[in-house]
């Protein structure tokens, strides 16, 4: 049960990061969002 809640929270944060990624125009800000997104996706898939 806790694992599903954890995954749901990570998914929600990932969605917010993707929305932020799409809304930014500067390449620097987009790169920063991608750097944040990669570990979140790995955690969502339960890959260390």
PDB file of N, CA and C in Angstrom:
ATOM      1  N   UNK A   1       0.819  -1.202   0.000  1.00  0.00           N
ATOM      2  CA  UNK A   1       0.000   0.000   0.000  1.00  0.00           C
ATOM      3  C   UNK A   1       0.860   1.261   0.000  1.00  0.00           C
ATOM      4  N   UNK A   2       1.880   1.280   0.834  1.00  0.00           N
ATOM      5  CA  UNK A   2       2.764   2.446   0.906  1.00  0.00           C
ATOM      6  C   UNK A   2       3.488   2.638  -0.426  1.00  0.00           C
ATOM      7  N   UNK A   3       3.856   1.543  -1.087  1.00  0.00           N
ATOM      8  CA  UNK A   3       4.542   1.628  -2.371  1.00  0.00           C
ATOM      9  C   UNK A   3       3.667   2.315  -3.413  1.00  0.00           C
ATOM     10  N   UNK A   4       2.386   2.008  -3.416  1.00  0.00           N
ATOM     11  CA  UNK A   4       1.483   2.630  -4.380  1.00  0.00           C
ATOM     12  C   UNK A   4       1.317   4.117  -4.093  1.00  0.00           C
ATOM     13  N   UNK A   5       1.261   4.486  -2.840  1.00  0.00           N
ATOM     14  CA  UNK A   5       1.154   5.904  -2.476  1.00  0.00           C
ATOM     15  C   UNK A   5       2.422   6.642  -2.887  1.00  0.00           C
ATOM     16  N   UNK A   6       3.569   6.005  -2.650  1.00  0.00           N
ATOM     17  CA  UNK A   6       4.854   6.584  -3.041  1.00  0.00           C
ATOM     18  C   UNK A   6       4.909   6.784  -4.556  1.00  0.00           C
ATOM     19  N   UNK A   7       4.495   5.775  -5.302  1.00  0.00           N
ATOM     20  CA  UNK A   7       4.497   5.884  -6.757  1.00  0.00           C
ATOM     21  C   UNK A   7       3.535   6.967  -7.238  1.00  0.00           C
ATOM     22  N   UNK A   8       2.412   7.100  -6.594  1.00  0.00           N
ATOM     23  CA  UNK A   8       1.442   8.126  -6.956  1.00  0.00           C
ATOM     24  C   UNK A   8       2.009   9.525  -6.722  1.00  0.00           C
ATOM     25  N   UNK A   9       2.682   9.715  -5.610  1.00  0.00           N
ATOM     26  CA  UNK A   9       3.304  11.002  -5.316  1.00  0.00           C
ATOM     27  C   UNK A   9       4.395  11.321  -6.332  1.00  0.00           C
ATOM     28  N   UNK A  10       5.218  10.323  -6.653  1.00  0.00           N
ATOM     29  CA  UNK A  10       6.290  10.530  -7.635  1.00  0.00           C
ATOM     30  C   UNK A  10       5.698  10.834  -9.012  1.00  0.00           C
ATOM     31  N   UNK A  11       4.622  10.152  -9.366  1.00  0.00           N
ATOM     32  CA  UNK A  11       3.962  10.416 -10.640  1.00  0.00           C
ATOM     33  C   UNK A  11       3.419  11.842 -10.686  1.00  0.00           C
ATOM     34  N   UNK A  12       2.817  12.293  -9.618  1.00  0.00           N
ATOM     35  CA  UNK A  12       2.277  13.649  -9.555  1.00  0.00           C
ATOM     36  C   UNK A  12       3.384  14.694  -9.705  1.00  0.00           C
ATOM     37  N   UNK A  13       4.477  14.496  -9.005  1.00  0.00           N
ATOM     38  CA  UNK A  13       5.603  15.428  -9.107  1.00  0.00           C
ATOM     39  C   UNK A  13       6.191  15.388 -10.523  1.00  0.00           C
ATOM     40  N   UNK A  14       6.258  14.200 -11.114  1.00  0.00           N
ATOM     41  CA  UNK A  14       6.770  14.077 -12.481  1.00  0.00           C
ATOM     42  C   UNK A  14       5.892  14.837 -13.472  1.00  0.00           C
ATOM     43  N   UNK A  15       4.602  14.765 -13.287  1.00  0.00           N
ATOM     44  CA  UNK A  15       3.684  15.498 -14.167  1.00  0.00           C
ATOM     45  C   UNK A  15       3.914  16.999 -14.041  1.00  0.00           C
ATOM     46  N   UNK A  16       4.095  17.475 -12.815  1.00  0.00           N
ATOM     47  CA  UNK A  16       4.373  18.895 -12.620  1.00  0.00           C
ATOM     48  C   UNK A  16       5.685  19.309 -13.292  1.00  0.00           C
ATOM     49  N   UNK A  17       6.691  18.450 -13.215  1.00  0.00           N
ATOM     50  CA  UNK A  17       7.983  18.757 -13.841  1.00  0.00           C
ATOM     51  C   UNK A  17       7.849  18.778 -15.362  1.00  0.00           C
ATOM     52  N   UNK A  18       7.077  17.862 -15.923  1.00  0.00           N
ATOM     53  CA  UNK A  18       6.875  17.843 -17.375  1.00  0.00           C
ATOM     54  C   UNK A  18       6.117  19.092 -17.831  1.00  0.00           C
ATOM     55  N   UNK A  19       5.127  19.500 -17.073  1.00  0.00           N
ATOM     56  CA  UNK A  19       4.400  20.730 -17.415  1.00  0.00           C
ATOM     57  C   UNK A  19       5.344  21.928 -17.352  1.00  0.00           C
ATOM     58  N   UNK A  20       6.203  21.953 -16.362  1.00  0.00           N
ATOM     59  CA  UNK A  20       7.190  23.013 -16.243  1.00  0.00           C
ATOM     60  C   UNK A  20       8.166  22.962 -17.417  1.00  0.00           C
ATOM     61  N   UNK A  21       8.555  21.762 -17.813  1.00  0.00           N
ATOM     62  CA  UNK A  21       9.481  21.587 -18.934  1.00  0.00           C
ATOM     63  C   UNK A  21       8.890  22.143 -20.223  1.00  0.00           C
ATOM     64  N   UNK A  22       7.630  21.871 -20.467  1.00  0.00           N
ATOM     65  CA  UNK A  22       6.981  22.325 -21.692  1.00  0.00           C
ATOM     66  C   UNK A  22       6.769  23.842 -21.681  1.00  0.00           C
ATOM     67  N   UNK A  23       6.533  24.393 -20.516  1.00  0.00           N
ATOM     68  CA  UNK A  23       6.223  25.822 -20.444  1.00  0.00           C
ATOM     69  C   UNK A  23       7.457  26.720 -20.523  1.00  0.00           C
ATOM     70  N   UNK A  24       8.623  26.187 -20.249  1.00  0.00           N
ATOM     71  CA  UNK A  24       9.841  27.000 -20.277  1.00  0.00           C
ATOM     72  C   UNK A  24      10.333  27.176 -21.704  1.00  0.00           C
ATOM     73  N   UNK A  25      10.899  28.332 -21.982  1.00  0.00           N
ATOM     74  CA  UNK A  25      11.417  28.610 -23.317  1.00  0.00           C
ATOM     75  C   UNK A  25      12.934  28.518 -23.374  1.00  0.00           C
ATOM     76  N   UNK A  26      13.582  28.802 -22.260  1.00  0.00           N
ATOM     77  CA  UNK A  26      15.048  28.759 -22.260  1.00  0.00           C
ATOM     78  C   UNK A  26      15.529  27.312 -22.221  1.00  0.00           C
ATOM     79  N   UNK A  27      16.551  27.050 -23.016  1.00  0.00           N
ATOM     80  CA  UNK A  27      17.132  25.707 -23.076  1.00  0.00           C
ATOM     81  C   UNK A  27      17.721  25.325 -21.721  1.00  0.00           C
ATOM     82  N   UNK A  28      18.261  26.293 -21.023  1.00  0.00           N
ATOM     83  CA  UNK A  28      18.867  26.035 -19.712  1.00  0.00           C
ATOM     84  C   UNK A  28      17.821  25.521 -18.714  1.00  0.00           C
ATOM     85  N   UNK A  29      16.656  26.150 -18.714  1.00  0.00           N
ATOM     86  CA  UNK A  29      15.576  25.738 -17.814  1.00  0.00           C
ATOM     87  C   UNK A  29      15.024  24.366 -18.204  1.00  0.00           C
ATOM     88  N   UNK A  30      14.946  24.096 -19.507  1.00  0.00           N
ATOM     89  CA  UNK A  30      14.483  22.792 -19.967  1.00  0.00           C
ATOM     90  C   UNK A  30      15.458  21.694 -19.584  1.00  0.00           C
ATOM     91  N   UNK A  31      16.749  21.982 -19.704  1.00  0.00           N
ATOM     92  CA  UNK A  31      17.763  20.998 -19.315  1.00  0.00           C
ATOM     93  C   UNK A  31      17.687  20.716 -17.818  1.00  0.00           C
ATOM     94  N   UNK A  32      17.453  21.742 -17.034  1.00  0.00           N
ATOM     95  CA  UNK A  32      17.315  21.571 -15.593  1.00  0.00           C
ATOM     96  C   UNK A  32      16.116  20.679 -15.265  1.00  0.00           C
ATOM     97  N   UNK A  33      15.004  20.886 -15.963  1.00  0.00           N
ATOM     98  CA  UNK A  33      13.814  20.064 -15.731  1.00  0.00           C
ATOM     99  C   UNK A  33      14.058  18.616 -16.116  1.00  0.00           C
ATOM    100  N   UNK A  34      14.796  18.385 -17.189  1.00  0.00           N
ATOM    101  CA  UNK A  34      15.108  17.010 -17.606  1.00  0.00           C
ATOM    102  C   UNK A  34      15.999  16.328 -16.567  1.00  0.00           C
ATOM    103  N   UNK A  35      16.959  17.083 -16.024  1.00  0.00           N
ATOM    104  CA  UNK A  35      17.845  16.521 -14.997  1.00  0.00           C
ATOM    105  C   UNK A  35      17.039  16.116 -13.761  1.00  0.00           C
ATOM    106  N   UNK A  36      16.023  16.876 -13.435  1.00  0.00           N
ATOM    107  CA  UNK A  36      15.163  16.537 -12.301  1.00  0.00           C
ATOM    108  C   UNK A  36      14.240  15.363 -12.653  1.00  0.00           C
ATOM    109  N   UNK A  37      13.807  15.304 -13.898  1.00  0.00           N
ATOM    110  CA  UNK A  37      12.831  14.301 -14.321  1.00  0.00           C
ATOM    111  C   UNK A  37      13.418  12.888 -14.389  1.00  0.00           C
ATOM    112  N   UNK A  38      14.667  12.755 -14.779  1.00  0.00           N
ATOM    113  CA  UNK A  38      15.265  11.422 -14.943  1.00  0.00           C
ATOM    114  C   UNK A  38      15.225  10.601 -13.651  1.00  0.00           C
ATOM    115  N   UNK A  39      15.700  11.120 -12.507  1.00  0.00           N
ATOM    116  CA  UNK A  39      15.607  10.308 -11.281  1.00  0.00           C
ATOM    117  C   UNK A  39      14.164  10.018 -10.860  1.00  0.00           C
ATOM    118  N   UNK A  40      13.266  10.961 -11.129  1.00  0.00           N
ATOM    119  CA  UNK A  40      11.863  10.721 -10.773  1.00  0.00           C
ATOM    120  C   UNK A  40      11.288   9.561 -11.582  1.00  0.00           C
ATOM    121  N   UNK A  41      11.595   9.513 -12.860  1.00  0.00           N
ATOM    122  CA  UNK A  41      11.100   8.406 -13.683  1.00  0.00           C
ATOM    123  C   UNK A  41      11.714   7.084 -13.273  1.00  0.00           C
ATOM    124  N   UNK A  42      12.981   7.104 -12.911  1.00  0.00           N
ATOM    125  CA  UNK A  42      13.633   5.876 -12.445  1.00  0.00           C
ATOM    126  C   UNK A  42      13.000   5.396 -11.137  1.00  0.00           C
ATOM    127  N   UNK A  43      12.663   6.325 -10.258  1.00  0.00           N
ATOM    128  CA  UNK A  43      11.992   5.940  -9.005  1.00  0.00           C
ATOM    129  C   UNK A  43      10.583   5.440  -9.252  1.00  0.00           C
ATOM    130  N   UNK A  44       9.906   6.021 -10.238  1.00  0.00           N
ATOM    131  CA  UNK A  44       8.569   5.582 -10.581  1.00  0.00           C
ATOM    132  C   UNK A  44       8.588   4.135 -11.088  1.00  0.00           C
ATOM    133  N   UNK A  45       9.628   3.795 -11.832  1.00  0.00           N
ATOM    134  CA  UNK A  45       9.771   2.428 -12.356  1.00  0.00           C
ATOM    135  C   UNK A  45      10.455   1.490 -11.364  1.00  0.00           C
ATOM    136  N   UNK A  46      10.799   2.032 -10.187  1.00  0.00           N
ATOM    137  CA  UNK A  46      11.476   1.284  -9.133  1.00  0.00           C
ATOM    138  C   UNK A  46      12.843   0.738  -9.576  1.00  0.00           C
ATOM    139  N   UNK A  47      13.560   1.582 -10.322  1.00  0.00           N
ATOM    140  CA  UNK A  47      14.923   1.260 -10.735  1.00  0.00           C
ATOM    141  C   UNK A  47      15.832   2.188  -9.953  1.00  0.00           C
ATOM    142  N   UNK A  48      16.848   1.625  -9.314  1.00  0.00           N
ATOM    143  CA  UNK A  48      17.772   2.481  -8.567  1.00  0.00           C
ATOM    144  C   UNK A  48      18.649   3.126  -9.558  1.00  0.00           C
TER     145      UNK A  48
END
